[in-house]
Amino acid sequence: MSEGVVLGIGDDCALLQPPEGELLATSVDTLVADRHFPASADPAAVAARALRVNLSDLAAMNARPLWFTLALTLPESDADWLRDFSRGLLETAELFGVSLVGGDTTRGPLSVTIQVTGSSKLPLRRDGARPGDGIFVSGELGAASAALPVILGQQAAAGRGEEEARRAYYFPEPQLALAAAIGELAGSAVDISDGLLADLGHICNASRVSADVHMESVPVSPLARQLAGENGALELAATGGDDYQLCFTVPEQHGSALEKLGLDIARIGTVVPAEGNPEVRSWLDGKPWSPARSGYQHF
């Protein structure tokens, strides 16, 4: 039986023992067919995406994954679909060391709801950014949103582009190791699900600060450049979302310690005092830069 699971699947509730001296972190997300993935998508890939995007929330809080529950709504009982979905879910759970401890199934429009729980000794929050802090992002941005037209069959991709698009969209990498590495240095963090500028805005609002972002410093995915062109790729990196990289802030006094870690990160801006309401200001080559949209809108 997995760590902390006193009683697992099969009873009315799971019984779980939290790690001593650590806080529990929990998050839930729902993926709806033809909203978050095509209804005809490979069920194994759907399962992988559903669990990975939830684990990304734990990474944003510097929490170690422990357990998850699954609520699955299906239009009909399809043994082949369920077999492939279960395989994708199990492979992903084993990869990240997280255990399924309960859930529910019901009939209705296809949707997948996963709740994850993890533990943390040193959680990262959104309200710890302070003026003068550096703003950093991990990895490269724009790939997942650039991949969406390929996933939907609206755009072709040359060479290995189609497989790269599939991986970018369905198999985002939760930045759990990165979060653990920066946990003692960072002041705040958020995962990039709705777009860099929008998600950085969440940090600004929670911390009551503003941010200056220099777009020429934002690492843009080569796949985004291939599929959307140079200007389109920058737009997607700023607002597209679904990359599930981390955006985080680090006080200047920790800058040298952060650099010594040799992480795949880039400094993209600076936290500044809020003059009135918190805001994210974006610049390109020293001039104000405004994207065509602000980020993903849930409604």
C-alpha atoms as a PDB file:
ATOM      1  CA  MET A   1       0.000   0.000   0.000  1.00  0.00           C
ATOM      2  CA  SER A   2       1.290   3.469  -0.892  1.00  0.00           C
ATOM      3  CA  GLU A   3       2.674   5.983   1.581  1.00  0.00           C
ATOM      4  CA  GLY A   4       0.034   7.329   3.940  1.00  0.00           C
ATOM      5  CA  VAL A   5      -2.822   5.179   2.601  1.00  0.00           C
ATOM      6  CA  VAL A   6      -4.401   3.488   5.620  1.00  0.00           C
ATOM      7  CA  LEU A   7      -7.452   2.367   3.633  1.00  0.00           C
ATOM      8  CA  GLY A   8      -7.683   2.701  -0.147  1.00  0.00           C
ATOM      9  CA  ILE A   9     -10.271   2.008  -2.821  1.00  0.00           C
ATOM     10  CA  GLY A  10     -13.280  -0.120  -1.870  1.00  0.00           C
ATOM     11  CA  ASP A  11     -14.854   1.612   1.130  1.00  0.00           C
ATOM     12  CA  ASP A  12     -17.038   4.719   1.382  1.00  0.00           C
ATOM     13  CA  CYS A  13     -13.963   6.855   1.983  1.00  0.00           C
ATOM     14  CA  ALA A  14     -10.224   6.457   1.787  1.00  0.00           C
ATOM     15  CA  LEU A  15      -8.332   6.822   5.061  1.00  0.00           C
ATOM     16  CA  LEU A  16      -5.118   8.777   4.629  1.00  0.00           C
ATOM     17  CA  GLN A  17      -2.314   9.643   7.033  1.00  0.00           C
ATOM     18  CA  PRO A  18      -0.643  13.017   6.338  1.00  0.00           C
ATOM     19  CA  PRO A  19       3.154  13.141   6.610  1.00  0.00           C
ATOM     20  CA  GLU A  20       4.201  14.401  10.019  1.00  0.00           C
ATOM     21  CA  GLY A  21       5.107  18.085  10.132  1.00  0.00           C
ATOM     22  CA  GLU A  22       3.961  18.835   6.581  1.00  0.00           C
ATOM     23  CA  LEU A  23       1.013  20.773   5.179  1.00  0.00           C
ATOM     24  CA  LEU A  24      -1.425  19.123   2.792  1.00  0.00           C
ATOM     25  CA  ALA A  25      -2.010  20.786  -0.579  1.00  0.00           C
ATOM     26  CA  THR A  26      -5.045  19.819  -2.641  1.00  0.00           C
ATOM     27  CA  SER A  27      -6.364  20.907  -6.031  1.00  0.00           C
ATOM     28  CA  VAL A  28      -9.071  19.785  -8.457  1.00  0.00           C
ATOM     29  CA  ASP A  29      -9.566  20.280 -12.207  1.00  0.00           C
ATOM     30  CA  THR A  30     -12.209  19.141 -14.670  1.00  0.00           C
ATOM     31  CA  LEU A  31     -11.511  18.416 -18.332  1.00  0.00           C
ATOM     32  CA  VAL A  32     -14.587  18.423 -20.564  1.00  0.00           C
ATOM     33  CA  ALA A  33     -14.735  16.749 -23.979  1.00  0.00           C
ATOM     34  CA  ASP A  34     -14.700  19.184 -26.913  1.00  0.00           C
ATOM     35  CA  ARG A  35     -13.725  21.956 -24.514  1.00  0.00           C
ATOM     36  CA  HIS A  36     -10.394  20.775 -23.129  1.00  0.00           C
ATOM     37  CA  PHE A  37      -9.770  17.841 -25.488  1.00  0.00           C
ATOM     38  CA  PRO A  38     -11.437  16.415 -28.609  1.00  0.00           C
ATOM     39  CA  ALA A  39     -14.058  13.784 -27.752  1.00  0.00           C
ATOM     40  CA  SER A  40     -12.365  11.490 -30.275  1.00  0.00           C
ATOM     41  CA  ALA A  41      -8.919  11.846 -28.661  1.00  0.00           C
ATOM     42  CA  ASP A  42      -6.814   8.877 -27.603  1.00  0.00           C
ATOM     43  CA  PRO A  43      -8.171   8.024 -24.118  1.00  0.00           C
ATOM     44  CA  ALA A  44      -4.685   7.182 -22.811  1.00  0.00           C
ATOM     45  CA  ALA A  45      -3.522  10.679 -23.772  1.00  0.00           C
ATOM     46  CA  VAL A  46      -6.617  12.235 -22.190  1.00  0.00           C
ATOM     47  CA  ALA A  47      -5.850  10.423 -18.937  1.00  0.00           C
ATOM     48  CA  ALA A  48      -2.215  11.532 -19.019  1.00  0.00           C
ATOM     49  CA  ARG A  49      -3.163  15.166 -19.596  1.00  0.00           C
ATOM     50  CA  ALA A  50      -5.851  15.133 -16.900  1.00  0.00           C
ATOM     51  CA  LEU A  51      -3.469  13.923 -14.209  1.00  0.00           C
ATOM     52  CA  ARG A  52      -0.457  15.951 -15.354  1.00  0.00           C
ATOM     53  CA  VAL A  53      -2.255  19.314 -15.321  1.00  0.00           C
ATOM     54  CA  ASN A  54      -3.425  18.633 -11.770  1.00  0.00           C
ATOM     55  CA  LEU A  55       0.069  17.658 -10.668  1.00  0.00           C
ATOM     56  CA  SER A  56       1.253  20.979 -12.077  1.00  0.00           C
ATOM     57  CA  ASP A  57      -0.835  22.740  -9.416  1.00  0.00           C
ATOM     58  CA  LEU A  58       1.065  20.806  -6.758  1.00  0.00           C
ATOM     59  CA  ALA A  59       4.343  21.826  -8.380  1.00  0.00           C
ATOM     60  CA  ALA A  60       3.315  25.483  -8.233  1.00  0.00           C
ATOM     61  CA  MET A  61       2.935  25.109  -4.451  1.00  0.00           C
ATOM     62  CA  ASN A  62       6.146  23.079  -4.016  1.00  0.00           C
ATOM     63  CA  ALA A  63       4.120  20.080  -2.867  1.00  0.00           C
ATOM     64  CA  ARG A  64       5.115  16.446  -3.275  1.00  0.00           C
ATOM     65  CA  PRO A  65       2.334  14.352  -4.950  1.00  0.00           C
ATOM     66  CA  LEU A  66       0.755  11.699  -2.750  1.00  0.00           C
ATOM     67  CA  TRP A  67      -2.783  10.705  -3.769  1.00  0.00           C
ATOM     68  CA  PHE A  68      -5.552  11.480  -6.228  1.00  0.00           C
ATOM     69  CA  THR A  69      -9.219  10.721  -6.796  1.00  0.00           C
ATOM     70  CA  LEU A  70     -11.035  10.401 -10.126  1.00  0.00           C
ATOM     71  CA  ALA A  71     -14.610  11.284 -11.085  1.00  0.00           C
ATOM     72  CA  LEU A  72     -15.315  10.017 -14.594  1.00  0.00           C
ATOM     73  CA  THR A  73     -18.482  10.849 -16.533  1.00  0.00           C
ATOM     74  CA  LEU A  74     -19.112   8.725 -19.632  1.00  0.00           C
ATOM     75  CA  PRO A  75     -21.870   8.795 -22.259  1.00  0.00           C
ATOM     76  CA  GLU A  76     -21.702   4.980 -22.368  1.00  0.00           C
ATOM     77  CA  SER A  77     -19.670   2.107 -20.998  1.00  0.00           C
ATOM     78  CA  ASP A  78     -17.004   1.386 -23.616  1.00  0.00           C
ATOM     79  CA  ALA A  79     -14.616  -1.379 -22.543  1.00  0.00           C
ATOM     80  CA  ASP A  80     -11.924  -0.488 -25.101  1.00  0.00           C
ATOM     81  CA  TRP A  81     -12.013   3.216 -24.166  1.00  0.00           C
ATOM     82  CA  LEU A  82     -11.856   2.416 -20.453  1.00  0.00           C
ATOM     83  CA  ARG A  83      -8.961  -0.002 -20.939  1.00  0.00           C
ATOM     84  CA  ASP A  84      -6.860   2.577 -22.759  1.00  0.00           C
ATOM     85  CA  PHE A  85      -7.828   5.371 -20.370  1.00  0.00           C
ATOM     86  CA  SER A  86      -6.894   3.207 -17.381  1.00  0.00           C
ATOM     87  CA  ARG A  87      -3.559   2.352 -18.960  1.00  0.00           C
ATOM     88  CA  GLY A  88      -2.713   6.009 -19.532  1.00  0.00           C
ATOM     89  CA  LEU A  89      -3.774   6.917 -16.009  1.00  0.00           C
ATOM     90  CA  LEU A  90      -1.774   4.103 -14.388  1.00  0.00           C
ATOM     91  CA  GLU A  91       1.368   4.853 -16.395  1.00  0.00           C
ATOM     92  CA  THR A  92       1.204   8.527 -15.439  1.00  0.00           C
ATOM     93  CA  ALA A  93       0.506   7.775 -11.778  1.00  0.00           C
ATOM     94  CA  GLU A  94       3.464   5.397 -11.600  1.00  0.00           C
ATOM     95  CA  LEU A  95       5.723   7.908 -13.346  1.00  0.00           C
ATOM     96  CA  PHE A  96       5.029  10.589 -10.750  1.00  0.00           C
ATOM     97  CA  GLY A  97       4.608   8.337  -7.718  1.00  0.00           C
ATOM     98  CA  VAL A  98       1.002   9.232  -6.923  1.00  0.00           C
ATOM     99  CA  SER A  99      -1.730   6.761  -5.887  1.00  0.00           C
ATOM    100  CA  LEU A 100      -5.400   6.551  -6.888  1.00  0.00           C
ATOM    101  CA  VAL A 101      -7.385   6.279  -3.629  1.00  0.00           C
ATOM    102  CA  GLY A 102     -11.011   6.671  -4.733  1.00  0.00           C
ATOM    103  CA  GLY A 103     -13.512   8.222  -7.088  1.00  0.00           C
ATOM    104  CA  ASP A 104     -16.819   7.871  -8.878  1.00  0.00           C
ATOM    105  CA  THR A 105     -18.296   7.079 -12.285  1.00  0.00           C
ATOM    106  CA  THR A 106     -21.570   8.289 -13.753  1.00  0.00           C
ATOM    107  CA  ARG A 107     -23.397   8.555 -17.085  1.00  0.00           C
ATOM    108  CA  GLY A 108     -23.395  11.838 -18.964  1.00  0.00           C
ATOM    109  CA  PRO A 109     -21.304  13.997 -21.328  1.00  0.00           C
ATOM    110  CA  LEU A 110     -17.670  12.886 -21.332  1.00  0.00           C
ATOM    111  CA  SER A 111     -15.636  14.656 -18.648  1.00  0.00           C
ATOM    112  CA  VAL A 112     -12.734  13.839 -16.360  1.00  0.00           C
ATOM    113  CA  THR A 113     -12.348  15.344 -12.885  1.00  0.00           C
ATOM    114  CA  ILE A 114      -9.222  14.660 -10.863  1.00  0.00           C
ATOM    115  CA  GLN A 115      -8.418  15.879  -7.367  1.00  0.00           C
ATOM    116  CA  VAL A 116      -4.792  15.646  -6.282  1.00  0.00           C
ATOM    117  CA  THR A 117      -3.322  15.876  -2.795  1.00  0.00           C
ATOM    118  CA  GLY A 118       0.294  16.420  -1.893  1.00  0.00           C
ATOM    119  CA  SER A 119       2.373  17.519   1.063  1.00  0.00           C
ATOM    120  CA  SER A 120       4.861  20.322   1.559  1.00  0.00           C
ATOM    121  CA  LYS A 121       7.274  21.476   4.238  1.00  0.00           C
ATOM    122  CA  LEU A 122       7.872  24.781   2.470  1.00  0.00           C
ATOM    123  CA  PRO A 123       4.889  25.702   0.263  1.00  0.00           C
ATOM    124  CA  LEU A 124       5.141  28.420  -2.355  1.00  0.00           C
ATOM    125  CA  ARG A 125       2.245  30.880  -2.562  1.00  0.00           C
ATOM    126  CA  ARG A 126       1.128  33.676  -4.833  1.00  0.00           C
ATOM    127  CA  ASP A 127       1.272  36.416  -2.203  1.00  0.00           C
ATOM    128  CA  GLY A 128       5.037  36.488  -1.564  1.00  0.00           C
ATOM    129  CA  ALA A 129       6.293  38.719  -4.400  1.00  0.00           C
ATOM    130  CA  ARG A 130       7.980  41.962  -3.339  1.00  0.00           C
ATOM    131  CA  PRO A 131       9.247  44.995  -5.305  1.00  0.00           C
ATOM    132  CA  GLY A 132      12.742  44.337  -6.627  1.00  0.00           C
ATOM    133  CA  ASP A 133      12.244  40.589  -6.997  1.00  0.00           C
ATOM    134  CA  GLY A 134      13.274  39.014 -10.271  1.00  0.00           C
ATOM    135  CA  ILE A 135      10.568  37.324 -12.344  1.00  0.00           C
ATOM    136  CA  PHE A 136      11.509  33.976 -13.869  1.00  0.00           C
ATOM    137  CA  VAL A 137       9.921  31.299 -16.029  1.00  0.00           C
ATOM    138  CA  SER A 138      10.945  27.706 -16.600  1.00  0.00           C
ATOM    139  CA  GLY A 139      11.339  25.980 -19.948  1.00  0.00           C
ATOM    140  CA  GLU A 140       9.920  27.383 -23.176  1.00  0.00           C
ATOM    141  CA  LEU A 141       6.461  28.820 -23.739  1.00  0.00           C
ATOM    142  CA  GLY A 142       3.883  28.744 -26.506  1.00  0.00           C
ATOM    143  CA  ALA A 143       4.160  25.117 -27.652  1.00  0.00           C
ATOM    144  CA  ALA A 144       0.875  23.809 -26.263  1.00  0.00           C
ATOM    145  CA  SER A 145      -1.282  26.651 -27.549  1.00  0.00           C
ATOM    146  CA  ALA A 146       0.451  26.494 -30.937  1.00  0.00           C
ATOM    147  CA  ALA A 147      -0.242  22.749 -30.965  1.00  0.00           C
ATOM    148  CA  LEU A 148      -3.996  23.107 -30.460  1.00  0.00           C
ATOM    149  CA  PRO A 149      -4.920  23.712 -34.135  1.00  0.00           C
ATOM    150  CA  VAL A 150      -2.899  20.610 -35.018  1.00  0.00           C
ATOM    151  CA  ILE A 151      -4.657  18.588 -32.317  1.00  0.00           C
ATOM    152  CA  LEU A 152      -8.024  19.752 -33.665  1.00  0.00           C
ATOM    153  CA  GLY A 153      -7.097  18.917 -37.262  1.00  0.00           C
ATOM    154  CA  GLN A 154      -7.228  22.568 -38.303  1.00  0.00           C
ATOM    155  CA  GLN A 155      -3.558  22.840 -39.242  1.00  0.00           C
ATOM    156  CA  ALA A 156      -0.934  20.486 -40.630  1.00  0.00           C
ATOM    157  CA  ALA A 157       2.552  20.199 -39.167  1.00  0.00           C
ATOM    158  CA  ALA A 158       5.621  19.338 -41.188  1.00  0.00           C
ATOM    159  CA  GLY A 159       8.190  16.708 -40.273  1.00  0.00           C
ATOM    160  CA  ARG A 160       7.943  15.640 -36.639  1.00  0.00           C
ATOM    161  CA  GLY A 161       5.720  18.609 -35.897  1.00  0.00           C
ATOM    162  CA  GLU A 162       2.552  16.552 -35.466  1.00  0.00           C
ATOM    163  CA  GLU A 163       4.102  14.271 -32.847  1.00  0.00           C
ATOM    164  CA  GLU A 164       5.721  17.250 -31.099  1.00  0.00           C
ATOM    165  CA  ALA A 165       2.348  18.993 -31.032  1.00  0.00           C
ATOM    166  CA  ARG A 166       0.687  15.929 -29.526  1.00  0.00           C
ATOM    167  CA  ARG A 167       3.342  15.672 -26.830  1.00  0.00           C
ATOM    168  CA  ALA A 168       3.197  19.382 -26.029  1.00  0.00           C
ATOM    169  CA  TYR A 169      -0.570  19.332 -25.584  1.00  0.00           C
ATOM    170  CA  TYR A 170      -1.268  15.977 -23.961  1.00  0.00           C
ATOM    171  CA  PHE A 171       1.937  15.413 -21.974  1.00  0.00           C
ATOM    172  CA  PRO A 172       2.920  18.634 -20.171  1.00  0.00           C
ATOM    173  CA  GLU A 173       5.686  18.128 -17.624  1.00  0.00           C
ATOM    174  CA  PRO A 174       4.717  19.134 -14.054  1.00  0.00           C
ATOM    175  CA  GLN A 175       7.684  21.101 -12.733  1.00  0.00           C
ATOM    176  CA  LEU A 176       7.928  19.203  -9.448  1.00  0.00           C
ATOM    177  CA  ALA A 177      11.730  18.911  -9.354  1.00  0.00           C
ATOM    178  CA  LEU A 178      12.178  22.568 -10.249  1.00  0.00           C
ATOM    179  CA  ALA A 179       9.782  23.630  -7.490  1.00  0.00           C
ATOM    180  CA  ALA A 180      11.720  21.577  -4.944  1.00  0.00           C
ATOM    181  CA  ALA A 181      14.975  23.177  -6.119  1.00  0.00           C
ATOM    182  CA  ILE A 182      13.719  26.766  -5.785  1.00  0.00           C
ATOM    183  CA  GLY A 183      11.566  26.214  -2.698  1.00  0.00           C
ATOM    184  CA  GLU A 184      13.952  27.955  -0.289  1.00  0.00           C
ATOM    185  CA  LEU A 185      14.750  30.795  -2.715  1.00  0.00           C
ATOM    186  CA  ALA A 186      11.501  31.824  -4.400  1.00  0.00           C
ATOM    187  CA  GLY A 187       9.013  34.207  -2.871  1.00  0.00           C
ATOM    188  CA  SER A 188       6.012  33.243  -4.982  1.00  0.00           C
ATOM    189  CA  ALA A 189       5.040  30.927  -7.825  1.00  0.00           C
ATOM    190  CA  VAL A 190       2.214  30.006 -10.183  1.00  0.00           C
ATOM    191  CA  ASP A 191       1.916  27.448 -12.961  1.00  0.00           C
ATOM    192  CA  ILE A 192       1.240  28.765 -16.454  1.00  0.00           C
ATOM    193  CA  SER A 193      -2.138  27.373 -17.431  1.00  0.00           C
ATOM    194  CA  ASP A 194      -4.039  30.454 -18.671  1.00  0.00           C
ATOM    195  CA  GLY A 195      -1.102  32.330 -20.206  1.00  0.00           C
ATOM    196  CA  LEU A 196       2.091  33.890 -18.831  1.00  0.00           C
ATOM    197  CA  LEU A 197       0.788  37.441 -18.461  1.00  0.00           C
ATOM    198  CA  ALA A 198      -2.553  36.367 -17.016  1.00  0.00           C
ATOM    199  CA  ASP A 199      -1.008  33.975 -14.506  1.00  0.00           C
ATOM    200  CA  LEU A 200       1.679  36.461 -13.487  1.00  0.00           C
ATOM    201  CA  GLY A 201      -1.244  38.802 -12.908  1.00  0.00           C
ATOM    202  CA  HIS A 202      -2.497  36.377 -10.244  1.00  0.00           C
ATOM    203  CA  ILE A 203       0.799  36.786  -8.373  1.00  0.00           C
ATOM    204  CA  CYS A 204       0.577  40.559  -8.708  1.00  0.00           C
ATOM    205  CA  ASN A 205      -2.993  40.677  -7.416  1.00  0.00           C
ATOM    206  CA  ALA A 206      -2.263  38.392  -4.470  1.00  0.00           C
ATOM    207  CA  SER A 207       0.952  40.267  -3.562  1.00  0.00           C
ATOM    208  CA  ARG A 208      -0.404  43.774  -4.292  1.00  0.00           C
ATOM    209  CA  VAL A 209       2.483  44.585  -6.632  1.00  0.00           C
ATOM    210  CA  SER A 210       2.984  45.220 -10.342  1.00  0.00           C
ATOM    211  CA  ALA A 211       5.361  43.618 -12.821  1.00  0.00           C
ATOM    212  CA  ASP A 212       7.469  44.733 -15.775  1.00  0.00           C
ATOM    213  CA  VAL A 213       7.980  41.917 -18.281  1.00  0.00           C
ATOM    214  CA  HIS A 214      10.524  42.176 -21.114  1.00  0.00           C
ATOM    215  CA  MET A 215       9.131  40.066 -23.911  1.00  0.00           C
ATOM    216  CA  GLU A 216      12.466  39.699 -25.737  1.00  0.00           C
ATOM    217  CA  SER A 217      13.638  37.692 -22.692  1.00  0.00           C
ATOM    218  CA  VAL A 218      10.699  35.261 -22.746  1.00  0.00           C
ATOM    219  CA  PRO A 219      11.873  31.829 -23.985  1.00  0.00           C
ATOM    220  CA  VAL A 220       9.664  30.951 -26.951  1.00  0.00           C
ATOM    221  CA  SER A 221       9.187  27.361 -28.075  1.00  0.00           C
ATOM    222  CA  PRO A 222      10.642  26.435 -31.484  1.00  0.00           C
ATOM    223  CA  LEU A 223       7.433  24.497 -32.163  1.00  0.00           C
ATOM    224  CA  ALA A 224       5.429  27.682 -31.651  1.00  0.00           C
ATOM    225  CA  ARG A 225       7.694  29.505 -34.088  1.00  0.00           C
ATOM    226  CA  GLN A 226       7.298  26.707 -36.621  1.00  0.00           C
ATOM    227  CA  LEU A 227       3.508  26.636 -36.387  1.00  0.00           C
ATOM    228  CA  ALA A 228       2.674  30.302 -35.739  1.00  0.00           C
ATOM    229  CA  GLY A 229       5.607  32.346 -37.082  1.00  0.00           C
ATOM    230  CA  GLU A 230       7.815  34.690 -35.043  1.00  0.00           C
ATOM    231  CA  ASN A 231       5.178  37.267 -34.092  1.00  0.00           C
ATOM    232  CA  GLY A 232       2.440  34.714 -33.547  1.00  0.00           C
ATOM    233  CA  ALA A 233       4.723  32.592 -31.386  1.00  0.00           C
ATOM    234  CA  LEU A 234       5.525  35.512 -29.084  1.00  0.00           C
ATOM    235  CA  GLU A 235       1.800  36.190 -28.720  1.00  0.00           C
ATOM    236  CA  LEU A 236       1.170  32.557 -27.833  1.00  0.00           C
ATOM    237  CA  ALA A 237       4.059  32.509 -25.347  1.00  0.00           C
ATOM    238  CA  ALA A 238       2.547  35.535 -23.611  1.00  0.00           C
ATOM    239  CA  THR A 239      -1.102  34.546 -23.577  1.00  0.00           C
ATOM    240  CA  GLY A 240      -1.644  31.032 -24.904  1.00  0.00           C
ATOM    241  CA  GLY A 241      -1.392  28.954 -21.731  1.00  0.00           C
ATOM    242  CA  ASP A 242      -1.421  25.168 -21.311  1.00  0.00           C
ATOM    243  CA  ASP A 243       2.397  24.984 -21.034  1.00  0.00           C
ATOM    244  CA  TYR A 244       2.300  24.233 -17.285  1.00  0.00           C
ATOM    245  CA  GLN A 245       5.735  25.702 -16.787  1.00  0.00           C
ATOM    246  CA  LEU A 246       6.327  27.746 -13.632  1.00  0.00           C
ATOM    247  CA  CYS A 247       6.448  31.520 -13.304  1.00  0.00           C
ATOM    248  CA  PHE A 248       8.058  32.561 -10.039  1.00  0.00           C
ATOM    249  CA  THR A 249       9.697  35.472  -8.247  1.00  0.00           C
ATOM    250  CA  VAL A 250      13.026  35.478  -6.420  1.00  0.00           C
ATOM    251  CA  PRO A 251      14.429  38.203  -4.135  1.00  0.00           C
ATOM    252  CA  GLU A 252      17.643  39.780  -5.387  1.00  0.00           C
ATOM    253  CA  GLN A 253      19.633  38.454  -2.435  1.00  0.00           C
ATOM    254  CA  HIS A 254      18.947  34.906  -3.652  1.00  0.00           C
ATOM    255  CA  GLY A 255      19.906  35.602  -7.258  1.00  0.00           C
ATOM    256  CA  SER A 256      23.429  34.164  -7.105  1.00  0.00           C
ATOM    257  CA  ALA A 257      22.246  31.035  -5.277  1.00  0.00           C
ATOM    258  CA  LEU A 258      19.586  30.522  -7.939  1.00  0.00           C
ATOM    259  CA  GLU A 259      22.122  30.904 -10.750  1.00  0.00           C
ATOM    260  CA  LYS A 260      24.383  28.265  -9.197  1.00  0.00           C
ATOM    261  CA  LEU A 261      21.597  25.681  -9.458  1.00  0.00           C
ATOM    262  CA  GLY A 262      21.959  25.649 -13.260  1.00  0.00           C
ATOM    263  CA  LEU A 263      18.220  25.344 -13.879  1.00  0.00           C
ATOM    264  CA  ASP A 264      16.428  25.660 -17.214  1.00  0.00           C
ATOM    265  CA  ILE A 265      14.977  29.065 -16.363  1.00  0.00           C
ATOM    266  CA  ALA A 266      15.053  32.614 -17.708  1.00  0.00           C
ATOM    267  CA  ARG A 267      14.661  35.959 -16.014  1.00  0.00           C
ATOM    268  CA  ILE A 268      11.965  37.881 -17.853  1.00  0.00           C
ATOM    269  CA  GLY A 269      11.315  40.899 -15.674  1.00  0.00           C
ATOM    270  CA  THR A 270      11.108  42.603 -12.298  1.00  0.00           C
ATOM    271  CA  VAL A 271       8.474  43.093  -9.626  1.00  0.00           C
ATOM    272  CA  VAL A 272       7.756  46.802  -9.060  1.00  0.00           C
ATOM    273  CA  PRO A 273       5.535  48.726  -6.630  1.00  0.00           C
ATOM    274  CA  ALA A 274       1.894  48.974  -7.629  1.00  0.00           C
ATOM    275  CA  GLU A 275       0.793  52.483  -8.464  1.00  0.00           C
ATOM    276  CA  GLY A 276      -2.898  52.025  -7.844  1.00  0.00           C
ATOM    277  CA  ASN A 277      -4.201  48.627  -8.922  1.00  0.00           C
ATOM    278  CA  PRO A 278      -1.650  45.848  -9.538  1.00  0.00           C
ATOM    279  CA  GLU A 279      -0.844  45.347 -13.213  1.00  0.00           C
ATOM    280  CA  VAL A 280       1.460  43.467 -15.549  1.00  0.00           C
ATOM    281  CA  ARG A 281       3.219  45.751 -18.016  1.00  0.00           C
ATOM    282  CA  SER A 282       4.866  44.134 -21.019  1.00  0.00           C
ATOM    283  CA  TRP A 283       7.688  45.653 -23.056  1.00  0.00           C
ATOM    284  CA  LEU A 284       9.430  44.679 -26.295  1.00  0.00           C
ATOM    285  CA  ASP A 285      12.817  46.212 -27.073  1.00  0.00           C
ATOM    286  CA  GLY A 286      12.136  49.032 -24.629  1.00  0.00           C
ATOM    287  CA  LYS A 287       8.698  49.923 -26.012  1.00  0.00           C
ATOM    288  CA  PRO A 288       5.271  49.104 -24.536  1.00  0.00           C
ATOM    289  CA  TRP A 289       3.892  45.896 -26.025  1.00  0.00           C
ATOM    290  CA  SER A 290       0.269  44.795 -25.889  1.00  0.00           C
ATOM    291  CA  PRO A 291      -0.947  41.332 -26.904  1.00  0.00           C
ATOM    292  CA  ALA A 292      -4.133  40.892 -28.893  1.00  0.00           C
ATOM    293  CA  ARG A 293      -5.746  39.037 -25.979  1.00  0.00           C
ATOM    294  CA  SER A 294      -5.178  38.814 -22.238  1.00  0.00           C
ATOM    295  CA  GLY A 295      -5.133  35.024 -21.803  1.00  0.00           C
ATOM    296  CA  TYR A 296      -7.504  32.078 -21.570  1.00  0.00           C
ATOM    297  CA  GLN A 297     -11.027  32.970 -20.462  1.00  0.00           C
ATOM    298  CA  HIS A 298     -12.920  30.256 -18.591  1.00  0.00           C
ATOM    299  CA  PHE A 299     -16.306  31.903 -19.293  1.00  0.00           C
END
